[in-house]
């Protein structure tokens, strides 16, 4: 805890930069949020994505995203905002004319800007609802100061991840939004483990300051936290490197979220508890009326 002021300064700077970037640069919204055309194609034989991307670009479809999904014969072409279903049909006909393979049009759909706006609003509401429910749960299970600490840590993780996507310009789509909600769950689990140990040590450790109790609790859970986070990060790194473009944003969002979530469960949540003045009395086991001193639970 002697490093908490350094950690707090880092967090304040990082979140300020994140909010500033989101306010000025916004996010690189994907097709799910901005609108556009989604074209799913099934080729007779496997197709080289690099060559197909070049073909689509040569046809004049600027900003199109070409990725594989399912087998190596299944291709998804995403046309950005401004294109219509007719443009999608024209693309399919042009691609058929440039190859000897049979190309089956599996799906052609348009996502309007209004639908994208609704998705942004609903995604934001889902995030706020998740944070509100977390506060209620932690407040009921522990104490209100612990609930505030948990919510501050979760908000810190979400803003940090959003700021990362804003600064890097990576596409923000529904898979990334799903990853953010998963980060909330992962970070909460870590925070609950630490909070449970803090409560336990406040009840059994005598003649120690709140800062010392938090130090003891964090040290006791540090091994579990590091091992869990490292194994998760290894899996996510493999997904980001070898999972393909379809889940790249999802894997990167979880990589950033899990890493910063591990940090926040140690420093942000615990530092918030100290700032709120947590004491032994906050987590003391209530004594029923009429019980003598010797009858109290340990």
C-alpha atoms as a PDB file:
ATOM      1  CA  UNK A   1       0.000   0.000   0.000  1.00  0.00           C
ATOM      2  CA  UNK A   2       2.999   2.350   0.270  1.00  0.00           C
ATOM      3  CA  UNK A   3       2.868   2.557  -3.554  1.00  0.00           C
ATOM      4  CA  UNK A   4      -0.807   3.469  -3.630  1.00  0.00           C
ATOM      5  CA  UNK A   5      -0.187   7.153  -4.318  1.00  0.00           C
ATOM      6  CA  UNK A   6       2.013   6.317  -7.322  1.00  0.00           C
ATOM      7  CA  UNK A   7      -0.654   3.908  -8.571  1.00  0.00           C
ATOM      8  CA  UNK A   8      -3.387   6.490  -7.994  1.00  0.00           C
ATOM      9  CA  UNK A   9      -1.434   9.098  -9.974  1.00  0.00           C
ATOM     10  CA  UNK A  10      -0.966   6.611 -12.843  1.00  0.00           C
ATOM     11  CA  UNK A  11      -4.673   5.747 -12.839  1.00  0.00           C
ATOM     12  CA  UNK A  12      -5.749   9.399 -12.809  1.00  0.00           C
ATOM     13  CA  UNK A  13      -3.457  10.229 -15.740  1.00  0.00           C
ATOM     14  CA  UNK A  14      -4.513   7.120 -17.700  1.00  0.00           C
ATOM     15  CA  UNK A  15      -8.241   7.719 -17.211  1.00  0.00           C
ATOM     16  CA  UNK A  16      -7.881  11.433 -18.025  1.00  0.00           C
ATOM     17  CA  UNK A  17      -6.109  10.548 -21.293  1.00  0.00           C
ATOM     18  CA  UNK A  18      -8.760   7.904 -22.037  1.00  0.00           C
ATOM     19  CA  UNK A  19     -11.677  10.304 -21.477  1.00  0.00           C
ATOM     20  CA  UNK A  20      -9.928  12.995 -23.498  1.00  0.00           C
ATOM     21  CA  UNK A  21      -9.327  10.620 -26.400  1.00  0.00           C
ATOM     22  CA  UNK A  22     -12.896   9.318 -26.351  1.00  0.00           C
ATOM     23  CA  UNK A  23     -14.234  12.898 -26.270  1.00  0.00           C
ATOM     24  CA  UNK A  24     -12.063  14.188 -29.125  1.00  0.00           C
ATOM     25  CA  UNK A  25     -11.332  11.148 -31.306  1.00  0.00           C
ATOM     26  CA  UNK A  26     -14.334   9.005 -30.341  1.00  0.00           C
ATOM     27  CA  UNK A  27     -14.174   5.291 -31.217  1.00  0.00           C
ATOM     28  CA  UNK A  28     -13.651   3.628 -34.563  1.00  0.00           C
ATOM     29  CA  UNK A  29     -17.187   2.252 -34.689  1.00  0.00           C
ATOM     30  CA  UNK A  30     -17.607  -0.969 -36.639  1.00  0.00           C
ATOM     31  CA  UNK A  31     -20.308  -1.936 -39.091  1.00  0.00           C
ATOM     32  CA  UNK A  32     -22.601  -3.044 -36.244  1.00  0.00           C
ATOM     33  CA  UNK A  33     -22.826   0.553 -35.000  1.00  0.00           C
ATOM     34  CA  UNK A  34     -22.371   2.748 -38.078  1.00  0.00           C
ATOM     35  CA  UNK A  35     -24.451   0.900 -40.653  1.00  0.00           C
ATOM     36  CA  UNK A  36     -23.392  -0.692 -43.907  1.00  0.00           C
ATOM     37  CA  UNK A  37     -23.737  -3.894 -45.885  1.00  0.00           C
ATOM     38  CA  UNK A  38     -22.742  -7.408 -44.844  1.00  0.00           C
ATOM     39  CA  UNK A  39     -22.145  -9.938 -47.635  1.00  0.00           C
ATOM     40  CA  UNK A  40     -21.536 -13.618 -46.824  1.00  0.00           C
ATOM     41  CA  UNK A  41     -20.117 -15.730 -49.658  1.00  0.00           C
ATOM     42  CA  UNK A  42     -19.437 -19.459 -49.973  1.00  0.00           C
ATOM     43  CA  UNK A  43     -16.796 -20.411 -52.535  1.00  0.00           C
ATOM     44  CA  UNK A  44     -16.603 -23.771 -54.284  1.00  0.00           C
ATOM     45  CA  UNK A  45     -12.963 -24.146 -53.231  1.00  0.00           C
ATOM     46  CA  UNK A  46     -10.724 -22.507 -50.665  1.00  0.00           C
ATOM     47  CA  UNK A  47      -9.953 -18.858 -51.366  1.00  0.00           C
ATOM     48  CA  UNK A  48      -6.877 -16.707 -50.690  1.00  0.00           C
ATOM     49  CA  UNK A  49      -8.022 -13.786 -48.554  1.00  0.00           C
ATOM     50  CA  UNK A  50      -5.116 -11.522 -49.515  1.00  0.00           C
ATOM     51  CA  UNK A  51      -5.923 -11.907 -53.211  1.00  0.00           C
ATOM     52  CA  UNK A  52      -9.641 -11.426 -52.539  1.00  0.00           C
ATOM     53  CA  UNK A  53      -9.012  -8.229 -50.550  1.00  0.00           C
ATOM     54  CA  UNK A  54      -6.999  -6.884 -53.487  1.00  0.00           C
ATOM     55  CA  UNK A  55      -9.784  -7.799 -55.910  1.00  0.00           C
ATOM     56  CA  UNK A  56     -12.399  -6.012 -53.793  1.00  0.00           C
ATOM     57  CA  UNK A  57     -10.157  -2.925 -53.517  1.00  0.00           C
ATOM     58  CA  UNK A  58      -9.516  -2.923 -57.292  1.00  0.00           C
ATOM     59  CA  UNK A  59     -13.287  -2.943 -57.855  1.00  0.00           C
ATOM     60  CA  UNK A  60     -13.469   0.379 -56.009  1.00  0.00           C
ATOM     61  CA  UNK A  61     -14.996  -0.739 -52.678  1.00  0.00           C
ATOM     62  CA  UNK A  62     -12.979   1.483 -50.351  1.00  0.00           C
ATOM     63  CA  UNK A  63     -12.925   0.593 -46.664  1.00  0.00           C
ATOM     64  CA  UNK A  64     -14.293  -2.921 -47.246  1.00  0.00           C
ATOM     65  CA  UNK A  65     -13.307  -5.596 -44.729  1.00  0.00           C
ATOM     66  CA  UNK A  66     -12.756  -9.143 -46.006  1.00  0.00           C
ATOM     67  CA  UNK A  67     -12.466 -11.943 -43.451  1.00  0.00           C
ATOM     68  CA  UNK A  68     -13.035 -15.677 -43.323  1.00  0.00           C
ATOM     69  CA  UNK A  69     -15.483 -17.387 -40.993  1.00  0.00           C
ATOM     70  CA  UNK A  70     -16.235 -21.047 -40.557  1.00  0.00           C
ATOM     71  CA  UNK A  71     -14.278 -22.963 -43.216  1.00  0.00           C
ATOM     72  CA  UNK A  72     -11.668 -21.615 -45.634  1.00  0.00           C
ATOM     73  CA  UNK A  73     -14.412 -21.405 -48.283  1.00  0.00           C
ATOM     74  CA  UNK A  74     -16.632 -19.063 -46.281  1.00  0.00           C
ATOM     75  CA  UNK A  75     -15.950 -15.348 -46.703  1.00  0.00           C
ATOM     76  CA  UNK A  76     -17.541 -12.295 -45.083  1.00  0.00           C
ATOM     77  CA  UNK A  77     -17.258  -8.959 -46.886  1.00  0.00           C
ATOM     78  CA  UNK A  78     -18.253  -5.875 -44.887  1.00  0.00           C
ATOM     79  CA  UNK A  79     -18.972  -2.708 -46.847  1.00  0.00           C
ATOM     80  CA  UNK A  80     -18.896   0.491 -44.742  1.00  0.00           C
ATOM     81  CA  UNK A  81     -21.572   3.148 -44.337  1.00  0.00           C
ATOM     82  CA  UNK A  82     -22.706   4.656 -47.639  1.00  0.00           C
ATOM     83  CA  UNK A  83     -23.066   1.398 -49.544  1.00  0.00           C
ATOM     84  CA  UNK A  84     -26.417  -0.300 -50.209  1.00  0.00           C
ATOM     85  CA  UNK A  85     -27.693  -3.802 -50.880  1.00  0.00           C
ATOM     86  CA  UNK A  86     -27.496  -3.045 -54.607  1.00  0.00           C
ATOM     87  CA  UNK A  87     -23.778  -2.371 -54.194  1.00  0.00           C
ATOM     88  CA  UNK A  88     -23.497  -5.728 -52.470  1.00  0.00           C
ATOM     89  CA  UNK A  89     -25.241  -7.472 -55.368  1.00  0.00           C
ATOM     90  CA  UNK A  90     -22.936  -5.706 -57.843  1.00  0.00           C
ATOM     91  CA  UNK A  91     -19.910  -6.848 -55.835  1.00  0.00           C
ATOM     92  CA  UNK A  92     -21.048 -10.470 -55.954  1.00  0.00           C
ATOM     93  CA  UNK A  93     -21.607 -10.325 -59.724  1.00  0.00           C
ATOM     94  CA  UNK A  94     -18.180  -8.728 -60.254  1.00  0.00           C
ATOM     95  CA  UNK A  95     -16.444 -11.366 -58.157  1.00  0.00           C
ATOM     96  CA  UNK A  96     -18.241 -14.153 -60.030  1.00  0.00           C
ATOM     97  CA  UNK A  97     -17.070 -12.667 -63.327  1.00  0.00           C
ATOM     98  CA  UNK A  98     -13.424 -12.727 -62.195  1.00  0.00           C
ATOM     99  CA  UNK A  99     -13.247 -16.370 -61.125  1.00  0.00           C
ATOM    100  CA  UNK A 100     -14.022 -19.823 -62.470  1.00  0.00           C
ATOM    101  CA  UNK A 101     -15.384 -20.920 -59.098  1.00  0.00           C
ATOM    102  CA  UNK A 102     -19.048 -21.026 -58.191  1.00  0.00           C
ATOM    103  CA  UNK A 103     -19.796 -18.374 -55.559  1.00  0.00           C
ATOM    104  CA  UNK A 104     -22.951 -18.815 -53.510  1.00  0.00           C
ATOM    105  CA  UNK A 105     -24.478 -15.741 -51.873  1.00  0.00           C
ATOM    106  CA  UNK A 106     -25.340 -17.018 -48.397  1.00  0.00           C
ATOM    107  CA  UNK A 107     -26.467 -13.700 -46.902  1.00  0.00           C
ATOM    108  CA  UNK A 108     -26.824 -10.074 -47.929  1.00  0.00           C
ATOM    109  CA  UNK A 109     -28.024  -7.598 -45.314  1.00  0.00           C
ATOM    110  CA  UNK A 110     -28.046  -3.879 -44.596  1.00  0.00           C
ATOM    111  CA  UNK A 111     -27.561  -2.359 -41.166  1.00  0.00           C
ATOM    112  CA  UNK A 112     -28.914   1.183 -41.042  1.00  0.00           C
ATOM    113  CA  UNK A 113     -27.328   4.007 -39.015  1.00  0.00           C
ATOM    114  CA  UNK A 114     -30.434   4.214 -36.808  1.00  0.00           C
ATOM    115  CA  UNK A 115     -30.005   0.578 -35.787  1.00  0.00           C
ATOM    116  CA  UNK A 116     -26.350   1.275 -35.033  1.00  0.00           C
ATOM    117  CA  UNK A 117     -27.309   4.230 -32.842  1.00  0.00           C
ATOM    118  CA  UNK A 118     -29.745   2.043 -30.916  1.00  0.00           C
ATOM    119  CA  UNK A 119     -27.026  -0.572 -30.428  1.00  0.00           C
ATOM    120  CA  UNK A 120     -24.678   2.068 -28.985  1.00  0.00           C
ATOM    121  CA  UNK A 121     -27.350   3.270 -26.572  1.00  0.00           C
ATOM    122  CA  UNK A 122     -28.307  -0.253 -25.524  1.00  0.00           C
ATOM    123  CA  UNK A 123     -24.655  -1.208 -25.075  1.00  0.00           C
ATOM    124  CA  UNK A 124     -24.093   1.798 -22.811  1.00  0.00           C
ATOM    125  CA  UNK A 125     -27.215   0.990 -20.801  1.00  0.00           C
ATOM    126  CA  UNK A 126     -26.090  -2.629 -20.452  1.00  0.00           C
ATOM    127  CA  UNK A 127     -22.763  -1.445 -19.060  1.00  0.00           C
ATOM    128  CA  UNK A 128     -24.404   0.926 -16.564  1.00  0.00           C
ATOM    129  CA  UNK A 129     -26.870  -1.777 -15.500  1.00  0.00           C
ATOM    130  CA  UNK A 130     -23.998  -4.210 -14.921  1.00  0.00           C
ATOM    131  CA  UNK A 131     -22.154  -1.688 -12.726  1.00  0.00           C
ATOM    132  CA  UNK A 132     -25.347  -0.913 -10.778  1.00  0.00           C
ATOM    133  CA  UNK A 133     -26.052  -4.583 -10.110  1.00  0.00           C
ATOM    134  CA  UNK A 134     -22.444  -5.108  -9.043  1.00  0.00           C
ATOM    135  CA  UNK A 135     -22.774  -2.293  -6.498  1.00  0.00           C
ATOM    136  CA  UNK A 136     -25.951  -3.821  -5.088  1.00  0.00           C
ATOM    137  CA  UNK A 137     -24.416  -7.299  -4.880  1.00  0.00           C
ATOM    138  CA  UNK A 138     -21.152  -6.212  -3.252  1.00  0.00           C
ATOM    139  CA  UNK A 139     -22.966  -3.832  -0.898  1.00  0.00           C
ATOM    140  CA  UNK A 140     -25.293  -6.659   0.206  1.00  0.00           C
ATOM    141  CA  UNK A 141     -22.517  -9.242   0.585  1.00  0.00           C
ATOM    142  CA  UNK A 142     -19.903  -7.003   2.197  1.00  0.00           C
ATOM    143  CA  UNK A 143     -20.482  -3.332   2.974  1.00  0.00           C
ATOM    144  CA  UNK A 144     -21.201  -0.114   1.062  1.00  0.00           C
ATOM    145  CA  UNK A 145     -17.553   1.018   1.104  1.00  0.00           C
ATOM    146  CA  UNK A 146     -16.550  -2.259  -0.537  1.00  0.00           C
ATOM    147  CA  UNK A 147     -19.290  -1.742  -3.139  1.00  0.00           C
ATOM    148  CA  UNK A 148     -17.946   1.709  -4.022  1.00  0.00           C
ATOM    149  CA  UNK A 149     -14.421   0.327  -4.263  1.00  0.00           C
ATOM    150  CA  UNK A 150     -15.551  -2.446  -6.602  1.00  0.00           C
ATOM    151  CA  UNK A 151     -17.531  -0.107  -8.863  1.00  0.00           C
ATOM    152  CA  UNK A 152     -14.671   2.417  -9.040  1.00  0.00           C
ATOM    153  CA  UNK A 153     -12.317  -0.407 -10.049  1.00  0.00           C
ATOM    154  CA  UNK A 154     -14.731  -1.724 -12.710  1.00  0.00           C
ATOM    155  CA  UNK A 155     -15.369   1.748 -14.144  1.00  0.00           C
ATOM    156  CA  UNK A 156     -11.584   2.257 -14.219  1.00  0.00           C
ATOM    157  CA  UNK A 157     -11.140  -0.973 -16.235  1.00  0.00           C
ATOM    158  CA  UNK A 158     -13.897  -0.143 -18.736  1.00  0.00           C
ATOM    159  CA  UNK A 159     -12.685   3.430 -19.326  1.00  0.00           C
ATOM    160  CA  UNK A 160      -9.076   2.277 -19.682  1.00  0.00           C
ATOM    161  CA  UNK A 161     -10.053  -0.313 -22.303  1.00  0.00           C
ATOM    162  CA  UNK A 162     -12.256   2.158 -24.192  1.00  0.00           C
ATOM    163  CA  UNK A 163      -9.417   4.678 -24.148  1.00  0.00           C
ATOM    164  CA  UNK A 164      -7.039   2.061 -25.543  1.00  0.00           C
ATOM    165  CA  UNK A 165      -9.383   1.397 -28.474  1.00  0.00           C
ATOM    166  CA  UNK A 166      -9.851   5.116 -29.048  1.00  0.00           C
ATOM    167  CA  UNK A 167      -6.101   5.848 -29.064  1.00  0.00           C
ATOM    168  CA  UNK A 168      -5.160   2.879 -31.259  1.00  0.00           C
ATOM    169  CA  UNK A 169      -8.081   3.275 -33.670  1.00  0.00           C
ATOM    170  CA  UNK A 170      -8.971  -0.423 -33.511  1.00  0.00           C
ATOM    171  CA  UNK A 171     -12.480  -1.189 -34.717  1.00  0.00           C
ATOM    172  CA  UNK A 172     -15.101  -1.260 -31.980  1.00  0.00           C
ATOM    173  CA  UNK A 173     -17.895  -3.722 -32.795  1.00  0.00           C
ATOM    174  CA  UNK A 174     -20.327  -5.945 -30.921  1.00  0.00           C
ATOM    175  CA  UNK A 175     -17.638  -8.528 -30.123  1.00  0.00           C
ATOM    176  CA  UNK A 176     -15.595  -5.831 -28.370  1.00  0.00           C
ATOM    177  CA  UNK A 177     -18.683  -4.724 -26.429  1.00  0.00           C
ATOM    178  CA  UNK A 178     -19.182  -8.349 -25.359  1.00  0.00           C
ATOM    179  CA  UNK A 179     -15.532  -8.440 -24.275  1.00  0.00           C
ATOM    180  CA  UNK A 180     -16.048  -5.323 -22.130  1.00  0.00           C
ATOM    181  CA  UNK A 181     -18.939  -6.981 -20.317  1.00  0.00           C
ATOM    182  CA  UNK A 182     -16.763 -10.065 -19.830  1.00  0.00           C
ATOM    183  CA  UNK A 183     -14.035  -7.829 -18.366  1.00  0.00           C
ATOM    184  CA  UNK A 184     -16.567  -6.538 -15.825  1.00  0.00           C
ATOM    185  CA  UNK A 185     -17.277 -10.106 -14.736  1.00  0.00           C
ATOM    186  CA  UNK A 186     -13.611 -11.133 -14.616  1.00  0.00           C
ATOM    187  CA  UNK A 187     -12.480  -8.054 -12.699  1.00  0.00           C
ATOM    188  CA  UNK A 188     -15.388  -8.384 -10.260  1.00  0.00           C
ATOM    189  CA  UNK A 189     -14.402 -11.975  -9.478  1.00  0.00           C
ATOM    190  CA  UNK A 190     -10.857 -10.866  -8.660  1.00  0.00           C
ATOM    191  CA  UNK A 191     -12.092  -7.948  -6.568  1.00  0.00           C
ATOM    192  CA  UNK A 192     -14.478 -10.184  -4.592  1.00  0.00           C
ATOM    193  CA  UNK A 193     -11.659 -12.600  -3.710  1.00  0.00           C
ATOM    194  CA  UNK A 194      -9.518  -9.742  -2.389  1.00  0.00           C
ATOM    195  CA  UNK A 195     -12.451  -8.131  -0.537  1.00  0.00           C
ATOM    196  CA  UNK A 196     -13.324 -11.422   1.131  1.00  0.00           C
ATOM    197  CA  UNK A 197      -9.777 -11.798   2.443  1.00  0.00           C
ATOM    198  CA  UNK A 198      -9.720  -8.157   3.621  1.00  0.00           C
ATOM    199  CA  UNK A 199     -12.929  -8.694   5.596  1.00  0.00           C
ATOM    200  CA  UNK A 200     -11.584 -11.911   7.094  1.00  0.00           C
ATOM    201  CA  UNK A 201      -8.298 -10.303   8.166  1.00  0.00           C
ATOM    202  CA  UNK A 202     -10.004  -7.248   9.649  1.00  0.00           C
ATOM    203  CA  UNK A 203     -11.851  -9.655  11.948  1.00  0.00           C
ATOM    204  CA  UNK A 204      -8.870 -11.747  13.019  1.00  0.00           C
ATOM    205  CA  UNK A 205      -5.771  -9.507  12.817  1.00  0.00           C
ATOM    206  CA  UNK A 206      -5.288  -7.464  15.994  1.00  0.00           C
ATOM    207  CA  UNK A 207      -3.388  -4.221  16.577  1.00  0.00           C
ATOM    208  CA  UNK A 208      -2.869  -3.435  12.885  1.00  0.00           C
ATOM    209  CA  UNK A 209      -3.742  -0.350  10.894  1.00  0.00           C
ATOM    210  CA  UNK A 210      -6.171  -0.617   7.967  1.00  0.00           C
ATOM    211  CA  UNK A 211      -3.241  -0.158   5.566  1.00  0.00           C
ATOM    212  CA  UNK A 212      -1.378  -3.069   7.166  1.00  0.00           C
ATOM    213  CA  UNK A 213      -4.469  -5.280   7.037  1.00  0.00           C
ATOM    214  CA  UNK A 214      -4.868  -4.523   3.327  1.00  0.00           C
ATOM    215  CA  UNK A 215      -1.181  -5.287   2.749  1.00  0.00           C
ATOM    216  CA  UNK A 216      -1.547  -8.663   4.461  1.00  0.00           C
ATOM    217  CA  UNK A 217      -4.701  -9.492   2.506  1.00  0.00           C
ATOM    218  CA  UNK A 218      -3.230  -8.513  -0.870  1.00  0.00           C
ATOM    219  CA  UNK A 219      -0.068 -10.510  -0.164  1.00  0.00           C
ATOM    220  CA  UNK A 220      -2.105 -13.607   0.700  1.00  0.00           C
ATOM    221  CA  UNK A 221      -4.130 -13.420  -2.529  1.00  0.00           C
ATOM    222  CA  UNK A 222      -1.329 -12.204  -4.821  1.00  0.00           C
ATOM    223  CA  UNK A 223      -0.173 -15.685  -5.865  1.00  0.00           C
ATOM    224  CA  UNK A 224      -3.671 -16.742  -6.856  1.00  0.00           C
ATOM    225  CA  UNK A 225      -4.263 -13.457  -8.699  1.00  0.00           C
ATOM    226  CA  UNK A 226      -1.030 -13.617 -10.705  1.00  0.00           C
ATOM    227  CA  UNK A 227      -1.397 -17.273 -11.694  1.00  0.00           C
ATOM    228  CA  UNK A 228      -5.027 -16.849 -12.755  1.00  0.00           C
ATOM    229  CA  UNK A 229      -4.281 -13.711 -14.755  1.00  0.00           C
ATOM    230  CA  UNK A 230      -1.197 -15.133 -16.477  1.00  0.00           C
ATOM    231  CA  UNK A 231      -2.947 -18.302 -17.627  1.00  0.00           C
ATOM    232  CA  UNK A 232      -5.869 -16.232 -18.923  1.00  0.00           C
ATOM    233  CA  UNK A 233      -3.539 -13.801 -20.712  1.00  0.00           C
ATOM    234  CA  UNK A 234      -1.676 -16.675 -22.386  1.00  0.00           C
ATOM    235  CA  UNK A 235      -4.919 -18.020 -23.851  1.00  0.00           C
ATOM    236  CA  UNK A 236      -6.024 -14.546 -24.978  1.00  0.00           C
ATOM    237  CA  UNK A 237      -2.632 -13.865 -26.574  1.00  0.00           C
ATOM    238  CA  UNK A 238      -2.978 -17.080 -28.582  1.00  0.00           C
ATOM    239  CA  UNK A 239      -6.467 -16.024 -29.697  1.00  0.00           C
ATOM    240  CA  UNK A 240      -5.233 -12.570 -30.734  1.00  0.00           C
ATOM    241  CA  UNK A 241      -2.283 -13.973 -32.700  1.00  0.00           C
ATOM    242  CA  UNK A 242      -3.877 -17.003 -34.333  1.00  0.00           C
ATOM    243  CA  UNK A 243      -7.643 -16.553 -33.993  1.00  0.00           C
ATOM    244  CA  UNK A 244      -8.083 -14.508 -37.159  1.00  0.00           C
ATOM    245  CA  UNK A 245      -9.513 -11.083 -37.865  1.00  0.00           C
ATOM    246  CA  UNK A 246     -13.061 -11.976 -36.813  1.00  0.00           C
ATOM    247  CA  UNK A 247     -12.174 -12.285 -33.102  1.00  0.00           C
ATOM    248  CA  UNK A 248      -9.057 -10.099 -33.033  1.00  0.00           C
ATOM    249  CA  UNK A 249     -10.822  -7.115 -31.454  1.00  0.00           C
ATOM    250  CA  UNK A 250     -12.533  -9.388 -28.912  1.00  0.00           C
ATOM    251  CA  UNK A 251      -9.216 -10.966 -27.872  1.00  0.00           C
ATOM    252  CA  UNK A 252      -7.382  -7.614 -27.662  1.00  0.00           C
ATOM    253  CA  UNK A 253     -10.160  -6.073 -25.560  1.00  0.00           C
ATOM    254  CA  UNK A 254      -9.977  -8.984 -23.123  1.00  0.00           C
ATOM    255  CA  UNK A 255      -6.164  -8.838 -23.061  1.00  0.00           C
ATOM    256  CA  UNK A 256      -6.208  -5.180 -22.080  1.00  0.00           C
ATOM    257  CA  UNK A 257      -9.178  -5.605 -19.725  1.00  0.00           C
ATOM    258  CA  UNK A 258      -7.786  -8.611 -17.852  1.00  0.00           C
ATOM    259  CA  UNK A 259      -4.355  -6.973 -17.453  1.00  0.00           C
ATOM    260  CA  UNK A 260      -5.759  -3.693 -16.125  1.00  0.00           C
ATOM    261  CA  UNK A 261      -8.390  -5.586 -14.102  1.00  0.00           C
ATOM    262  CA  UNK A 262      -5.637  -7.439 -12.235  1.00  0.00           C
ATOM    263  CA  UNK A 263      -3.959  -4.119 -11.466  1.00  0.00           C
ATOM    264  CA  UNK A 264      -7.206  -2.452 -10.366  1.00  0.00           C
ATOM    265  CA  UNK A 265      -8.228  -5.267  -8.011  1.00  0.00           C
ATOM    266  CA  UNK A 266      -4.916  -4.740  -6.181  1.00  0.00           C
ATOM    267  CA  UNK A 267      -4.582  -0.962  -6.234  1.00  0.00           C
ATOM    268  CA  UNK A 268      -7.760   0.829  -7.322  1.00  0.00           C
ATOM    269  CA  UNK A 269     -10.239  -1.095  -5.178  1.00  0.00           C
ATOM    270  CA  UNK A 270      -7.986  -1.279  -2.104  1.00  0.00           C
ATOM    271  CA  UNK A 271      -6.896   2.365  -2.413  1.00  0.00           C
ATOM    272  CA  UNK A 272     -10.550   3.433  -2.632  1.00  0.00           C
ATOM    273  CA  UNK A 273     -11.272   1.495   0.563  1.00  0.00           C
ATOM    274  CA  UNK A 274      -8.501   3.341   2.396  1.00  0.00           C
ATOM    275  CA  UNK A 275      -9.693   6.681   1.014  1.00  0.00           C
ATOM    276  CA  UNK A 276     -13.205   5.921   2.313  1.00  0.00           C
ATOM    277  CA  UNK A 277     -11.754   5.176   5.766  1.00  0.00           C
ATOM    278  CA  UNK A 278     -12.553   1.467   6.087  1.00  0.00           C
ATOM    279  CA  UNK A 279     -12.167   0.178   9.662  1.00  0.00           C
ATOM    280  CA  UNK A 280     -12.687  -3.009  11.653  1.00  0.00           C
ATOM    281  CA  UNK A 281     -16.109  -1.719  12.711  1.00  0.00           C
ATOM    282  CA  UNK A 282     -17.284  -1.713   9.084  1.00  0.00           C
ATOM    283  CA  UNK A 283     -16.938  -5.485   8.819  1.00  0.00           C
ATOM    284  CA  UNK A 284     -17.556  -6.462  12.436  1.00  0.00           C
ATOM    285  CA  UNK A 285     -20.035  -9.286  12.953  1.00  0.00           C
ATOM    286  CA  UNK A 286     -23.196  -7.792  14.431  1.00  0.00           C
ATOM    287  CA  UNK A 287     -24.075  -8.996  17.931  1.00  0.00           C
ATOM    288  CA  UNK A 288     -27.665  -9.912  18.702  1.00  0.00           C
ATOM    289  CA  UNK A 289     -29.347  -8.099  21.515  1.00  0.00           C
ATOM    290  CA  UNK A 290     -29.197  -9.878  24.826  1.00  0.00           C
ATOM    291  CA  UNK A 291     -25.948 -11.763  24.204  1.00  0.00           C
ATOM    292  CA  UNK A 292     -23.204 -11.442  26.742  1.00  0.00           C
ATOM    293  CA  UNK A 293     -19.653 -10.472  25.771  1.00  0.00           C
ATOM    294  CA  UNK A 294     -18.493 -14.094  26.007  1.00  0.00           C
ATOM    295  CA  UNK A 295     -21.283 -15.263  23.735  1.00  0.00           C
ATOM    296  CA  UNK A 296     -20.155 -13.143  20.803  1.00  0.00           C
ATOM    297  CA  UNK A 297     -18.864 -14.817  17.712  1.00  0.00           C
ATOM    298  CA  UNK A 298     -15.087 -14.570  17.256  1.00  0.00           C
END
